Amino acid sequence: MAFLRNAWYVAAWSNEVSDNLLTRKILGEQVLLYRDGAGELVATTNVCPHRFAPLNMGRVVDGAIECPYHGLRFDASGQCVYNPDGDGAVPVNARLKTYPVEERLGAAWIWMGDPAKIDLAMIPDFEFLDDPAYHAVTGLIHVRANYRLITDNLMDQAHLHMVHNTTLACDMVRRATTQLVRESDGTIWANRLGEAGETPAIFQMMWQANRGPIEGDFDHWVESGWKAPAFVRNNTGVAPHGRPREEGLETKNAHLLTPETETTTHYFWAISRTFDLNNPELDANIRIGTEHAFINEDEVILHGVQEMMDGQDFWSLRPALMQADVGAVQLRRALDKRITAEQAEASASDETSSARRSAEPVA
């Protein structure tokens, strides 16, 4: 299975990397993250080119990463700058592959593709992660499923009443239909509005903690917006039936998916709110609820789905589609198109380079 390489992915939450060495497999490649002497984030391959030792077993010395095996040191550009052995000569091929990395929204974003094609505007704008009016609870889950199955799941409100029947299930949302919305920047939204019903359990907990007893019917909205390659912005909220959203409670949520391999994913999540900002107990309950919903409910079924698919292409299995699948279908087609175009461009470039080398005169 191919990945979209000319794109940004989250390598880590920024606070995961301080004075430590963090290694994480991304798109099948072992990446090392650390901070140099100035505190700037650096991303390189995690393998020493000398005898292939894992660099995360080493340390940072004067801003350079030191190999734990023979002591070669590499600066932030990947160049070997010190050899402690013998005459101190630096081996010709002693250079690490480096990756462009950018810190925004409390996260370290990594570019796994062609550095010449970097576009900072492609980092998604989850502005609430930078807005002091919001408080975010963040986390990271390692998921035993392909990232595209997870994006399908995040865009699909039809599974809530089955998979999350004690946490996120909401009968009025079950009875609603999914509305598809496309934005000019390529974002694809799948939205549902449930009207005049009972709120899901997790919003009952938040409402009672913030507003007191629940009285009467409520409306509940669940909106999921996907942007390539694997980012989903999620707006979920409740308000007394017929009243403006501003009178209710809403969380704005970021789901940032980074493929580890074809069958595993790093799932970075953030649940943000503008109410009850300094409530550690609520933070803890949100974390417990979020991790329970995904680890004990979503991941179980997604891992099962992946095992049943057994590596077969999604479309080759001729899936029976429901109305709720409209968002997932559209994002799959959009991502397929981008990956195909990227591969075609890379193939054409390789052919051009090969032709040029063939045309060069032989000395």
Protein backbone atom coordinates (compact mmCIF):
# COMPACT_ATOMS: atom_id res chain seq x y z
CA MET A 1 0.00 0.00 0.00
CA ALA A 2 1.34 3.42 -0.95
CA PHE A 3 1.47 6.47 1.30
CA LEU A 4 1.21 10.11 0.28
CA ARG A 5 4.78 11.25 0.90
CA ASN A 6 4.70 14.91 -0.09
CA ALA A 7 2.68 15.86 2.94
CA TRP A 8 3.07 16.74 6.60
CA TYR A 9 2.54 14.18 9.34
CA VAL A 10 2.73 14.51 13.11
CA ALA A 11 5.90 12.88 14.40
CA ALA A 12 5.28 13.69 18.08
CA TRP A 13 3.67 16.09 20.48
CA SER A 14 6.30 18.76 21.15
CA ASN A 15 6.44 17.94 24.85
CA GLU A 16 7.44 14.36 24.04
CA VAL A 17 10.89 15.65 23.02
CA SER A 18 12.91 17.59 25.61
CA ASP A 19 16.39 16.37 26.57
CA ASN A 20 15.60 12.82 25.46
CA LEU A 21 16.02 10.87 22.23
CA LEU A 22 12.70 9.76 20.76
CA THR A 23 12.47 7.21 17.98
CA ARG A 24 9.29 6.57 16.03
CA LYS A 25 8.59 4.61 12.87
CA ILE A 26 6.79 6.78 10.30
CA LEU A 27 5.71 5.54 6.87
CA GLY A 28 7.87 2.49 7.50
CA GLU A 29 11.03 4.50 8.27
CA GLN A 30 12.76 4.70 11.66
CA VAL A 31 13.00 8.39 12.59
CA LEU A 32 15.00 9.87 15.48
CA LEU A 33 13.80 13.10 17.12
CA TYR A 34 15.93 15.19 19.46
CA ARG A 35 16.77 18.81 20.29
CA ASP A 36 20.12 20.38 19.40
CA GLY A 37 22.16 22.74 21.59
CA ALA A 38 19.80 25.62 20.79
CA GLY A 39 16.71 23.61 21.65
CA GLU A 40 15.65 23.29 18.01
CA LEU A 41 13.97 20.06 16.98
CA VAL A 42 15.96 17.76 14.68
CA ALA A 43 14.67 14.71 12.78
CA THR A 44 17.06 12.17 11.25
CA THR A 45 17.16 8.51 10.42
CA ASN A 46 17.74 6.42 13.53
CA VAL A 47 20.52 4.24 12.11
CA CYS A 48 24.26 5.03 12.12
CA PRO A 49 25.73 4.58 8.61
CA HIS A 50 28.93 3.04 10.04
CA ARG A 51 27.76 -0.22 11.63
CA PHE A 52 24.02 0.41 11.70
CA ALA A 53 23.63 0.94 15.45
CA PRO A 54 20.37 2.50 16.70
CA LEU A 55 21.15 6.12 17.47
CA ASN A 56 18.41 6.44 20.07
CA MET A 57 20.70 4.37 22.32
CA GLY A 58 23.25 7.21 22.13
CA ARG A 59 23.20 10.74 23.49
CA VAL A 60 23.39 14.40 22.45
CA VAL A 61 26.84 15.98 22.88
CA ASP A 62 27.29 19.69 22.13
CA GLY A 63 24.12 19.63 20.02
CA ALA A 64 25.24 16.61 17.96
CA ILE A 65 23.93 13.06 18.16
CA GLU A 66 26.59 10.59 19.29
CA CYS A 67 26.47 6.97 18.11
CA PRO A 68 26.58 4.56 21.08
CA TYR A 69 28.75 2.03 19.20
CA HIS A 70 31.89 3.86 18.02
CA GLY A 71 31.25 7.48 19.03
CA LEU A 72 30.76 9.12 15.62
CA ARG A 73 28.86 12.39 16.04
CA PHE A 74 26.43 13.92 13.57
CA ASP A 75 25.19 17.51 13.50
CA ALA A 76 21.67 18.71 12.76
CA SER A 77 22.35 18.62 9.01
CA GLY A 78 23.20 14.91 9.27
CA GLN A 79 26.91 15.46 8.57
CA CYS A 80 29.44 13.51 10.65
CA VAL A 81 31.48 16.13 12.51
CA TYR A 82 33.60 13.99 14.83
CA ASN A 83 35.37 10.63 14.73
CA PRO A 84 37.13 9.72 18.00
CA ASP A 85 39.09 6.84 16.48
CA GLY A 86 42.67 6.87 15.20
CA ASP A 87 43.44 9.77 12.91
CA GLY A 88 39.94 11.21 13.32
CA ALA A 89 39.21 11.09 9.61
CA VAL A 90 35.50 11.27 8.83
CA PRO A 91 34.31 8.35 6.66
CA VAL A 92 33.14 9.43 3.20
CA ASN A 93 29.61 8.05 3.60
CA ALA A 94 29.16 9.10 7.22
CA ARG A 95 25.98 11.12 6.77
CA LEU A 96 22.48 10.73 8.13
CA LYS A 97 19.28 11.19 6.19
CA THR A 98 17.46 14.20 7.65
CA TYR A 99 13.81 15.19 7.51
CA PRO A 100 12.33 18.70 7.51
CA VAL A 101 10.46 19.28 10.75
CA GLU A 102 8.26 22.15 11.91
CA GLU A 103 6.75 22.84 15.32
CA ARG A 104 3.20 24.17 15.30
CA LEU A 105 0.06 23.67 17.34
CA GLY A 106 2.05 21.95 20.08
CA ALA A 107 3.20 19.23 17.70
CA ALA A 108 6.27 18.30 15.67
CA TRP A 109 5.32 18.04 11.99
CA ILE A 110 7.57 16.03 9.69
CA TRP A 111 7.86 16.03 5.87
CA MET A 112 8.62 12.54 4.55
CA GLY A 113 8.73 13.39 0.84
CA ASP A 114 10.71 15.55 -1.58
CA PRO A 115 12.18 18.53 0.35
CA ALA A 116 11.87 20.64 -2.80
CA LYS A 117 8.10 20.34 -2.57
CA ILE A 118 7.69 21.51 1.04
CA ASP A 119 4.65 23.72 1.56
CA LEU A 120 4.03 24.99 5.09
CA ALA A 121 0.49 25.94 4.08
CA MET A 122 -0.28 22.21 3.95
CA ILE A 123 -0.06 21.96 7.74
CA PRO A 124 -3.76 21.88 8.74
CA ASP A 125 -5.18 24.81 10.65
CA PHE A 126 -6.52 23.44 13.90
CA GLU A 127 -6.56 26.96 15.31
CA PHE A 128 -8.18 25.97 18.60
CA LEU A 129 -4.97 24.17 19.60
CA ASP A 130 -3.25 27.58 19.66
CA ASP A 131 -6.17 29.64 21.00
CA PRO A 132 -5.85 30.56 24.72
CA ALA A 133 -9.64 30.56 24.94
CA TYR A 134 -9.51 26.77 24.57
CA HIS A 135 -8.10 24.11 26.86
CA ALA A 136 -6.96 20.87 25.23
CA VAL A 137 -6.55 17.38 26.61
CA THR A 138 -4.13 15.52 24.31
CA GLY A 139 -2.96 11.97 23.90
CA LEU A 140 -1.38 9.36 21.67
CA ILE A 141 -2.68 5.87 20.93
CA HIS A 142 -0.88 3.15 19.00
CA VAL A 143 -3.49 1.50 16.79
CA ARG A 144 -3.29 -1.97 15.23
CA ALA A 145 -5.00 -0.85 12.04
CA ASN A 146 -4.23 0.94 8.80
CA TYR A 147 -4.68 4.70 8.99
CA ARG A 148 -7.32 4.72 6.24
CA LEU A 149 -9.58 2.45 8.26
CA ILE A 150 -9.30 4.95 11.11
CA THR A 151 -10.18 7.95 8.93
CA ASP A 152 -13.19 5.99 7.65
CA ASN A 153 -14.20 5.41 11.26
CA LEU A 154 -13.79 9.06 12.28
CA MET A 155 -16.00 10.19 9.39
CA ASP A 156 -18.70 7.60 10.15
CA GLN A 157 -21.42 8.49 12.64
CA ALA A 158 -23.40 5.32 11.89
CA HIS A 159 -21.17 3.12 14.05
CA LEU A 160 -21.72 5.15 17.23
CA HIS A 161 -24.89 3.38 18.38
CA MET A 162 -23.24 -0.04 18.04
CA VAL A 163 -19.54 0.34 18.90
CA HIS A 164 -20.01 3.11 21.49
CA ASN A 165 -23.40 2.15 22.88
CA THR A 166 -22.53 3.21 26.45
CA THR A 167 -20.43 6.32 25.72
CA LEU A 168 -21.06 8.19 22.46
CA ALA A 169 -24.27 6.56 21.24
CA CYS A 170 -27.14 8.95 20.58
CA ASP A 171 -30.46 7.78 19.16
CA MET A 172 -31.31 11.11 17.53
CA VAL A 173 -27.97 11.06 15.68
CA ARG A 174 -28.61 7.44 14.63
CA ARG A 175 -31.87 8.52 13.02
CA ALA A 176 -30.30 11.52 11.23
CA THR A 177 -28.72 11.42 7.77
CA THR A 178 -25.18 12.46 6.88
CA GLN A 179 -24.76 15.74 5.02
CA LEU A 180 -21.71 16.06 2.77
CA VAL A 181 -19.96 19.44 2.55
CA ARG A 182 -16.88 20.23 0.43
CA GLU A 183 -14.65 23.23 1.05
CA SER A 184 -12.43 24.98 -1.48
CA ASP A 185 -9.26 23.87 0.34
CA GLY A 186 -10.10 20.20 -0.20
CA THR A 187 -11.65 19.56 3.22
CA ILE A 188 -14.51 17.06 3.08
CA TRP A 189 -17.12 17.22 5.83
CA ALA A 190 -19.58 14.54 6.93
CA ASN A 191 -22.10 16.15 9.30
CA ARG A 192 -25.08 14.92 11.28
CA LEU A 193 -27.57 16.86 13.39
CA GLY A 194 -29.79 14.98 15.81
CA GLU A 195 -32.79 16.91 17.12
CA ALA A 196 -34.99 16.68 20.19
CA GLY A 197 -33.55 13.77 22.10
CA GLU A 198 -31.34 12.55 24.90
CA THR A 199 -27.65 13.50 24.95
CA PRO A 200 -24.92 10.83 24.81
CA ALA A 201 -23.37 9.75 28.11
CA ILE A 202 -20.14 11.72 27.73
CA PHE A 203 -22.04 14.99 27.20
CA GLN A 204 -24.31 14.22 30.11
CA MET A 205 -21.19 14.06 32.26
CA MET A 206 -19.84 17.36 30.93
CA TRP A 207 -23.20 19.17 31.11
CA GLN A 208 -23.83 18.13 34.68
CA ALA A 209 -20.29 19.13 35.70
CA ASN A 210 -20.63 22.55 34.05
CA ARG A 211 -24.33 23.45 33.97
CA GLY A 212 -26.08 21.24 36.49
CA PRO A 213 -29.10 18.95 35.96
CA ILE A 214 -30.22 18.09 32.41
CA GLU A 215 -33.80 19.14 31.69
CA GLY A 216 -35.82 18.59 28.54
CA ASP A 217 -34.77 17.52 25.06
CA PHE A 218 -31.49 18.46 23.44
CA ASP A 219 -30.03 18.74 19.96
CA HIS A 220 -26.68 17.05 19.24
CA TRP A 221 -24.34 17.77 16.34
CA VAL A 222 -21.47 15.60 15.16
CA GLU A 223 -19.35 17.10 12.36
CA SER A 224 -16.21 15.49 10.90
CA GLY A 225 -13.98 17.27 8.39
CA TRP A 226 -11.15 15.38 6.66
CA LYS A 227 -8.09 16.92 5.05
CA ALA A 228 -5.33 15.01 3.27
CA PRO A 229 -3.55 12.90 4.05
CA ALA A 230 -5.06 11.86 7.39
CA PHE A 231 -6.37 14.72 9.52
CA VAL A 232 -9.91 14.91 10.87
CA ARG A 233 -11.36 17.95 12.61
CA ASN A 234 -14.34 17.04 14.73
CA ASN A 235 -16.98 19.39 16.17
CA THR A 236 -19.34 17.77 18.65
CA GLY A 237 -21.83 19.53 20.87
CA VAL A 238 -25.23 19.67 22.52
CA ALA A 239 -27.70 22.46 23.17
CA PRO A 240 -31.27 22.60 24.50
CA HIS A 241 -33.62 21.73 21.64
CA GLY A 242 -34.15 24.64 19.27
CA ARG A 243 -31.67 26.93 21.01
CA PRO A 244 -28.50 28.41 19.41
CA ARG A 245 -25.30 26.40 19.68
CA GLU A 246 -23.77 29.21 21.68
CA GLU A 247 -26.10 28.29 24.55
CA GLY A 248 -24.83 24.73 24.60
CA LEU A 249 -21.51 22.95 25.09
CA GLU A 250 -19.15 22.03 22.27
CA THR A 251 -15.76 20.35 21.98
CA LYS A 252 -13.51 20.93 19.00
CA ASN A 253 -11.31 17.92 18.43
CA ALA A 254 -8.23 17.12 16.36
CA HIS A 255 -7.49 13.61 15.10
CA LEU A 256 -4.01 13.49 13.55
CA LEU A 257 -3.13 10.14 12.04
CA THR A 258 0.43 9.15 11.15
CA PRO A 259 0.97 5.77 9.44
CA GLU A 260 3.60 3.68 11.18
CA THR A 261 3.37 0.74 8.78
CA GLU A 262 0.69 -0.58 6.45
CA THR A 263 -1.05 -2.19 9.42
CA THR A 264 -0.32 0.17 12.36
CA THR A 265 -0.90 3.85 13.06
CA HIS A 266 0.15 6.56 15.51
CA TYR A 267 -3.10 8.30 16.50
CA PHE A 268 -2.54 11.76 18.01
CA TRP A 269 -5.73 13.22 19.49
CA ALA A 270 -6.81 16.44 21.18
CA ILE A 271 -10.17 17.27 22.78
CA SER A 272 -10.56 21.06 23.22
CA ARG A 273 -13.16 23.08 25.10
CA THR A 274 -13.93 26.67 26.13
CA PHE A 275 -15.75 25.76 29.34
CA ASP A 276 -14.47 24.64 32.74
CA LEU A 277 -10.90 25.39 31.68
CA ASN A 278 -9.26 24.74 35.06
CA ASN A 279 -10.88 21.49 36.05
CA PRO A 280 -8.34 18.65 36.40
CA GLU A 281 -11.09 16.19 37.27
CA LEU A 282 -12.90 16.95 34.01
CA ASP A 283 -9.59 16.62 32.13
CA ALA A 284 -9.08 13.20 33.67
CA ASN A 285 -12.62 12.10 32.81
CA ILE A 286 -12.24 13.27 29.20
CA ARG A 287 -8.97 11.36 28.90
CA ILE A 288 -10.46 8.23 30.43
CA GLY A 289 -13.53 8.46 28.21
CA THR A 290 -11.59 9.13 25.02
CA GLU A 291 -9.08 6.35 25.57
CA HIS A 292 -11.81 3.91 26.56
CA ALA A 293 -13.89 4.74 23.50
CA PHE A 294 -11.00 4.22 21.10
CA ILE A 295 -8.83 1.56 22.74
CA ASN A 296 -11.59 -0.66 24.09
CA GLU A 297 -14.23 -0.01 21.43
CA ASP A 298 -12.97 1.40 18.10
CA GLU A 299 -9.60 -0.33 17.91
CA VAL A 300 -11.08 -3.74 18.68
CA ILE A 301 -13.43 -3.58 15.70
CA LEU A 302 -10.91 -1.88 13.39
CA HIS A 303 -8.29 -4.55 14.09
CA GLY A 304 -10.93 -7.17 13.35
CA VAL A 305 -11.85 -5.44 10.08
CA GLN A 306 -8.20 -5.35 9.04
CA GLU A 307 -7.75 -9.05 9.73
CA MET A 308 -10.84 -9.86 7.66
CA MET A 309 -9.59 -7.72 4.75
CA ASP A 310 -6.27 -9.60 4.96
CA GLY A 311 -4.32 -7.07 2.91
CA GLN A 312 -6.82 -6.87 0.07
CA ASP A 313 -7.60 -3.53 -1.56
CA PHE A 314 -10.69 -1.85 -0.14
CA TRP A 315 -12.37 -1.28 -3.50
CA SER A 316 -11.54 -4.78 -4.80
CA LEU A 317 -13.75 -6.18 -2.02
CA ARG A 318 -16.76 -4.34 -3.49
CA PRO A 319 -18.04 -2.94 -0.17
CA ALA A 320 -21.79 -2.57 0.31
CA LEU A 321 -22.22 1.13 1.00
CA MET A 322 -24.67 2.92 3.30
CA GLN A 323 -25.76 6.55 3.28
CA ALA A 324 -23.43 7.22 6.21
CA ASP A 325 -20.42 6.23 4.06
CA VAL A 326 -20.68 9.29 1.83
CA GLY A 327 -17.83 11.15 3.57
CA ALA A 328 -15.49 8.17 3.79
CA VAL A 329 -16.06 7.28 0.14
CA GLN A 330 -15.30 10.80 -1.04
CA LEU A 331 -12.11 11.11 1.02
CA ARG A 332 -10.87 7.71 -0.16
CA ARG A 333 -11.33 8.75 -3.77
CA ALA A 334 -9.64 12.10 -3.16
CA LEU A 335 -6.65 10.48 -1.45
CA ASP A 336 -6.38 7.74 -4.11
CA LYS A 337 -6.23 10.47 -6.77
CA ARG A 338 -3.44 12.35 -4.99
CA ILE A 339 -1.36 9.25 -4.35
CA THR A 340 -1.71 8.13 -7.98
CA ALA A 341 -0.68 11.57 -9.24
CA GLU A 342 2.33 11.68 -6.89
CA GLN A 343 3.49 8.23 -7.98
CA ALA A 344 3.09 9.10 -11.66
CA GLU A 345 5.16 12.26 -11.21
CA ALA A 346 7.88 10.36 -9.33
CA SER A 347 7.97 7.68 -12.01
CA ALA A 348 8.28 10.25 -14.80
CA SER A 349 11.09 11.98 -12.93
CA ASP A 350 12.95 8.68 -12.50
CA GLU A 351 12.61 7.91 -16.21
CA THR A 352 13.93 11.35 -17.14
CA SER A 353 16.93 10.95 -14.82
CA SER A 354 17.65 7.50 -16.22
CA ALA A 355 17.48 8.78 -19.79
CA ARG A 356 19.91 11.59 -18.99
CA ARG A 357 22.40 9.19 -17.46
CA SER A 358 22.15 6.91 -20.50
CA ALA A 359 22.84 9.84 -22.82
CA GLU A 360 26.00 10.91 -20.99
CA PRO A 361 29.22 10.13 -22.90
CA VAL A 362 31.33 7.29 -21.56
CA ALA A 363 34.83 8.44 -20.58
